[in-house]
């Protein structure tokens, strides 16, 4: 497989993942994704931002999240985010430290 085709397939897979998380599975909470898989929608938006920045495209965290989410974080939280339990929050501390570290 040539590099262009591989890149196109990877991009298509990313778009499908994004659509799945943003349209089909809005019920899945970021905190649960982070606790179980070590990444969440915010991580995906951060990776998008980092890729843009590496290519000389200025983009901050807020802009990247709005691009990924298709709305502001305030809108996402109001529409889809539920209150995290104490157990979820404790597990998140560990998952965040292991998978993200100092980045936010």
N, C-alpha and C. Protein backbone atom coordinates (compact mmCIF):
# COMPACT_ATOMS: atom_id res chain seq x y z
N UNK A 1 0.84 -1.17 0.00
CA UNK A 1 0.00 0.00 0.00
C UNK A 1 0.90 1.24 0.00
N UNK A 2 0.55 2.22 -0.84
CA UNK A 2 1.36 3.43 -0.89
C UNK A 2 1.00 4.37 0.27
N UNK A 3 1.89 5.31 0.55
CA UNK A 3 1.72 6.22 1.69
C UNK A 3 0.45 7.06 1.58
N UNK A 4 0.12 7.53 0.40
CA UNK A 4 -1.07 8.37 0.23
C UNK A 4 -2.34 7.58 0.57
N UNK A 5 -2.42 6.36 0.09
CA UNK A 5 -3.58 5.52 0.39
C UNK A 5 -3.67 5.23 1.88
N UNK A 6 -2.54 4.90 2.49
CA UNK A 6 -2.52 4.64 3.93
C UNK A 6 -3.00 5.86 4.70
N UNK A 7 -2.52 7.04 4.34
CA UNK A 7 -2.94 8.28 5.01
C UNK A 7 -4.44 8.51 4.83
N UNK A 8 -4.95 8.26 3.64
CA UNK A 8 -6.38 8.44 3.38
C UNK A 8 -7.22 7.46 4.21
N UNK A 9 -6.76 6.22 4.32
CA UNK A 9 -7.48 5.23 5.12
C UNK A 9 -7.45 5.59 6.61
N UNK A 10 -6.29 6.04 7.08
CA UNK A 10 -6.18 6.46 8.48
C UNK A 10 -7.09 7.65 8.76
N UNK A 11 -7.14 8.59 7.85
CA UNK A 11 -8.02 9.75 8.01
C UNK A 11 -9.49 9.32 8.02
N UNK A 12 -9.84 8.40 7.16
CA UNK A 12 -11.22 7.90 7.12
C UNK A 12 -11.57 7.19 8.42
N UNK A 13 -10.64 6.41 8.95
CA UNK A 13 -10.88 5.72 10.22
C UNK A 13 -11.05 6.73 11.35
N UNK A 14 -10.24 7.77 11.37
CA UNK A 14 -10.36 8.81 12.38
C UNK A 14 -11.72 9.51 12.29
N UNK A 15 -12.14 9.85 11.08
CA UNK A 15 -13.44 10.51 10.91
C UNK A 15 -14.57 9.60 11.39
N UNK A 16 -14.45 8.31 11.12
CA UNK A 16 -15.47 7.36 11.57
C UNK A 16 -15.49 7.25 13.09
N UNK A 17 -14.32 7.21 13.71
CA UNK A 17 -14.23 7.19 15.18
C UNK A 17 -14.86 8.44 15.76
N UNK A 18 -14.52 9.60 15.21
CA UNK A 18 -15.07 10.86 15.70
C UNK A 18 -16.59 10.86 15.58
N UNK A 19 -17.11 10.46 14.43
CA UNK A 19 -18.56 10.42 14.22
C UNK A 19 -19.22 9.46 15.19
N UNK A 20 -18.60 8.32 15.40
CA UNK A 20 -19.14 7.34 16.33
C UNK A 20 -19.27 7.93 17.74
N UNK A 21 -18.20 8.59 18.20
CA UNK A 21 -18.20 9.17 19.55
C UNK A 21 -19.10 10.39 19.68
N UNK A 22 -19.21 11.17 18.62
CA UNK A 22 -19.93 12.44 18.70
C UNK A 22 -21.39 12.33 18.29
N UNK A 23 -21.74 11.30 17.53
CA UNK A 23 -23.10 11.20 17.02
C UNK A 23 -23.83 9.96 17.53
N UNK A 24 -23.13 8.84 17.57
CA UNK A 24 -23.79 7.59 17.93
C UNK A 24 -23.67 7.24 19.40
N UNK A 25 -22.59 7.65 20.06
CA UNK A 25 -22.35 7.25 21.44
C UNK A 25 -22.10 8.45 22.36
N UNK A 26 -22.96 9.43 22.24
CA UNK A 26 -22.86 10.59 23.13
C UNK A 26 -23.11 10.21 24.58
N UNK A 27 -23.69 9.04 24.78
CA UNK A 27 -23.96 8.56 26.14
C UNK A 27 -22.70 8.11 26.87
N UNK A 28 -21.67 7.78 26.13
CA UNK A 28 -20.42 7.33 26.74
C UNK A 28 -19.68 8.55 27.28
N UNK A 29 -19.42 8.53 28.57
CA UNK A 29 -18.80 9.67 29.23
C UNK A 29 -17.28 9.65 29.02
N UNK A 30 -16.70 10.85 28.87
CA UNK A 30 -15.25 10.97 28.72
C UNK A 30 -14.52 10.32 29.89
N UNK A 31 -15.02 10.51 31.09
CA UNK A 31 -14.34 9.98 32.26
C UNK A 31 -14.29 8.45 32.20
N UNK A 32 -15.34 7.82 31.70
CA UNK A 32 -15.35 6.36 31.57
C UNK A 32 -14.38 5.91 30.49
N UNK A 33 -14.33 6.65 29.38
CA UNK A 33 -13.37 6.32 28.32
C UNK A 33 -11.95 6.40 28.86
N UNK A 34 -11.65 7.48 29.58
CA UNK A 34 -10.29 7.66 30.11
C UNK A 34 -9.97 6.55 31.11
N UNK A 35 -10.91 6.25 31.97
CA UNK A 35 -10.67 5.24 32.99
C UNK A 35 -10.48 3.84 32.41
N UNK A 36 -11.19 3.54 31.33
CA UNK A 36 -11.10 2.21 30.73
C UNK A 36 -10.06 2.09 29.63
N UNK A 37 -9.93 3.12 28.81
CA UNK A 37 -9.09 3.03 27.62
C UNK A 37 -7.84 3.90 27.67
N UNK A 38 -7.79 4.84 28.62
CA UNK A 38 -6.62 5.70 28.72
C UNK A 38 -6.64 6.88 27.77
N UNK A 39 -7.78 7.13 27.12
CA UNK A 39 -7.95 8.32 26.29
C UNK A 39 -9.44 8.64 26.22
N UNK A 40 -9.74 9.88 25.81
CA UNK A 40 -11.13 10.30 25.68
C UNK A 40 -11.24 11.29 24.53
N UNK A 41 -12.40 11.90 24.38
CA UNK A 41 -12.60 12.88 23.32
C UNK A 41 -11.62 14.05 23.46
N UNK A 42 -11.38 14.46 24.70
CA UNK A 42 -10.44 15.58 24.92
C UNK A 42 -9.04 15.20 24.45
N UNK A 43 -8.63 13.96 24.68
CA UNK A 43 -7.33 13.49 24.19
C UNK A 43 -7.28 13.56 22.67
N UNK A 44 -8.34 13.09 22.02
CA UNK A 44 -8.38 13.13 20.56
C UNK A 44 -8.28 14.56 20.05
N UNK A 45 -8.97 15.49 20.72
CA UNK A 45 -8.88 16.89 20.29
C UNK A 45 -7.48 17.44 20.55
N UNK A 46 -6.84 17.01 21.64
CA UNK A 46 -5.47 17.45 21.93
C UNK A 46 -4.51 16.91 20.88
N UNK A 47 -4.67 15.66 20.50
CA UNK A 47 -3.81 15.08 19.47
C UNK A 47 -3.99 15.83 18.14
N UNK A 48 -5.22 16.23 17.85
CA UNK A 48 -5.51 17.02 16.66
C UNK A 48 -4.76 18.35 16.74
N UNK A 49 -4.85 19.01 17.89
CA UNK A 49 -4.15 20.27 18.11
C UNK A 49 -2.64 20.10 17.95
N UNK A 50 -2.09 19.07 18.56
CA UNK A 50 -0.65 18.83 18.48
C UNK A 50 -0.20 18.59 17.04
N UNK A 51 -1.01 17.85 16.28
CA UNK A 51 -0.67 17.61 14.87
C UNK A 51 -0.69 18.92 14.08
N UNK A 52 -1.66 19.76 14.36
CA UNK A 52 -1.72 21.07 13.70
C UNK A 52 -0.50 21.91 14.07
N UNK A 53 -0.20 21.98 15.36
CA UNK A 53 0.93 22.78 15.82
C UNK A 53 2.24 22.28 15.22
N UNK A 54 2.42 20.97 15.10
CA UNK A 54 3.63 20.41 14.51
C UNK A 54 3.79 20.81 13.05
N UNK A 55 2.68 21.15 12.42
CA UNK A 55 2.71 21.56 11.01
C UNK A 55 2.70 23.07 10.86
N UNK A 56 2.91 23.78 11.97
CA UNK A 56 2.96 25.24 11.94
C UNK A 56 1.62 25.92 11.93
N UNK A 57 0.57 25.18 12.21
CA UNK A 57 -0.78 25.75 12.27
C UNK A 57 -1.06 26.10 13.73
N UNK A 58 -1.29 27.38 13.99
CA UNK A 58 -1.58 27.80 15.35
C UNK A 58 -2.99 27.38 15.73
N UNK A 59 -3.08 26.66 16.83
CA UNK A 59 -4.37 26.19 17.32
C UNK A 59 -4.23 25.97 18.81
N UNK A 60 -5.17 26.51 19.59
CA UNK A 60 -5.11 26.28 21.03
C UNK A 60 -6.10 25.18 21.41
N UNK A 61 -6.08 24.83 22.68
CA UNK A 61 -6.91 23.74 23.18
C UNK A 61 -8.40 24.00 22.95
N UNK A 62 -8.83 25.22 23.19
CA UNK A 62 -10.25 25.55 23.04
C UNK A 62 -10.68 25.40 21.59
N UNK A 63 -9.87 25.92 20.67
CA UNK A 63 -10.19 25.83 19.25
C UNK A 63 -10.22 24.37 18.79
N UNK A 64 -9.24 23.59 19.23
CA UNK A 64 -9.18 22.18 18.84
C UNK A 64 -10.41 21.42 19.35
N UNK A 65 -10.80 21.70 20.59
CA UNK A 65 -11.98 21.02 21.14
C UNK A 65 -13.24 21.39 20.38
N UNK A 66 -13.37 22.67 20.02
CA UNK A 66 -14.56 23.08 19.28
C UNK A 66 -14.60 22.44 17.89
N UNK A 67 -13.43 22.28 17.26
CA UNK A 67 -13.38 21.60 15.97
C UNK A 67 -13.77 20.13 16.14
N UNK A 68 -13.18 19.47 17.14
CA UNK A 68 -13.46 18.05 17.33
C UNK A 68 -14.91 17.80 17.77
N UNK A 69 -15.36 18.56 18.76
CA UNK A 69 -16.71 18.37 19.29
C UNK A 69 -17.80 18.91 18.38
N UNK A 70 -17.44 19.87 17.53
CA UNK A 70 -18.46 20.50 16.69
C UNK A 70 -19.33 21.46 17.46
N UNK A 71 -18.88 21.83 18.64
CA UNK A 71 -19.61 22.75 19.53
C UNK A 71 -18.64 23.16 20.64
N UNK A 72 -19.06 24.10 21.45
CA UNK A 72 -18.22 24.48 22.58
C UNK A 72 -18.28 23.40 23.66
N UNK A 73 -17.30 23.42 24.53
CA UNK A 73 -17.31 22.46 25.65
C UNK A 73 -18.51 22.71 26.54
N UNK A 74 -18.88 23.96 26.72
CA UNK A 74 -20.06 24.28 27.54
C UNK A 74 -21.31 23.63 26.96
N UNK A 75 -21.45 23.69 25.62
CA UNK A 75 -22.60 23.05 24.98
C UNK A 75 -22.56 21.54 25.16
N UNK A 76 -21.38 20.94 24.96
CA UNK A 76 -21.25 19.49 25.12
C UNK A 76 -21.63 19.07 26.53
N UNK A 77 -21.07 19.77 27.51
CA UNK A 77 -21.34 19.42 28.90
C UNK A 77 -22.82 19.55 29.23
N UNK A 78 -23.43 20.63 28.76
CA UNK A 78 -24.86 20.84 29.04
C UNK A 78 -25.73 19.77 28.39
N UNK A 79 -25.35 19.32 27.21
CA UNK A 79 -26.16 18.36 26.47
C UNK A 79 -25.89 16.90 26.82
N UNK A 80 -24.64 16.57 27.18
CA UNK A 80 -24.28 15.16 27.25
C UNK A 80 -23.55 14.71 28.51
N UNK A 81 -22.88 15.61 29.20
CA UNK A 81 -22.05 15.18 30.32
C UNK A 81 -22.88 15.00 31.58
N UNK A 82 -22.64 13.90 32.27
CA UNK A 82 -23.32 13.65 33.53
C UNK A 82 -22.33 13.86 34.68
N UNK A 83 -22.85 13.97 35.87
CA UNK A 83 -22.01 14.16 37.05
C UNK A 83 -21.21 12.88 37.33
N UNK A 84 -19.92 13.05 37.53
CA UNK A 84 -19.06 11.90 37.81
C UNK A 84 -19.20 11.49 39.28
N UNK A 85 -19.15 10.20 39.51
CA UNK A 85 -19.19 9.69 40.88
C UNK A 85 -17.81 9.82 41.52
N UNK A 86 -17.75 9.67 42.81
CA UNK A 86 -16.47 9.69 43.51
C UNK A 86 -15.55 8.59 43.02
N UNK A 87 -16.10 7.43 42.76
CA UNK A 87 -15.31 6.30 42.27
C UNK A 87 -14.72 6.62 40.89
N UNK A 88 -15.53 7.21 40.02
CA UNK A 88 -15.04 7.60 38.69
C UNK A 88 -13.93 8.64 38.81
N UNK A 89 -14.11 9.61 39.68
CA UNK A 89 -13.12 10.67 39.85
C UNK A 89 -11.80 10.12 40.38
N UNK A 90 -11.86 9.19 41.30
CA UNK A 90 -10.63 8.59 41.84
C UNK A 90 -9.90 7.79 40.76
N UNK A 91 -10.65 7.00 40.00
CA UNK A 91 -10.04 6.23 38.92
C UNK A 91 -9.45 7.16 37.86
N UNK A 92 -10.11 8.29 37.63
CA UNK A 92 -9.63 9.25 36.64
C UNK A 92 -8.27 9.82 37.03
N UNK A 93 -8.06 10.09 38.29
CA UNK A 93 -6.76 10.63 38.74
C UNK A 93 -5.63 9.70 38.31
N UNK A 94 -5.82 8.42 38.50
CA UNK A 94 -4.80 7.44 38.12
C UNK A 94 -4.67 7.36 36.60
N UNK A 95 -5.80 7.24 35.90
CA UNK A 95 -5.77 7.12 34.45
C UNK A 95 -5.15 8.35 33.80
N UNK A 96 -5.48 9.52 34.29
CA UNK A 96 -4.92 10.76 33.74
C UNK A 96 -3.41 10.81 33.95
N UNK A 97 -2.97 10.50 35.16
CA UNK A 97 -1.54 10.52 35.47
C UNK A 97 -0.78 9.54 34.60
N UNK A 98 -1.33 8.35 34.39
CA UNK A 98 -0.65 7.32 33.61
C UNK A 98 -0.65 7.60 32.11
N UNK A 99 -1.68 8.27 31.62
CA UNK A 99 -1.84 8.40 30.18
C UNK A 99 -1.61 9.81 29.63
N UNK A 100 -1.78 10.81 30.46
CA UNK A 100 -1.65 12.19 29.98
C UNK A 100 -0.53 12.90 30.70
N UNK A 101 -0.43 12.71 31.98
CA UNK A 101 0.62 13.38 32.76
C UNK A 101 0.34 14.85 32.93
N UNK A 102 1.29 15.67 32.59
CA UNK A 102 1.20 17.10 32.84
C UNK A 102 0.34 17.84 31.83
N UNK A 103 0.04 17.23 30.68
CA UNK A 103 -0.76 17.90 29.66
C UNK A 103 -2.21 17.98 30.12
N UNK A 104 -2.92 18.95 29.60
CA UNK A 104 -4.35 19.05 29.93
C UNK A 104 -5.17 19.35 28.72
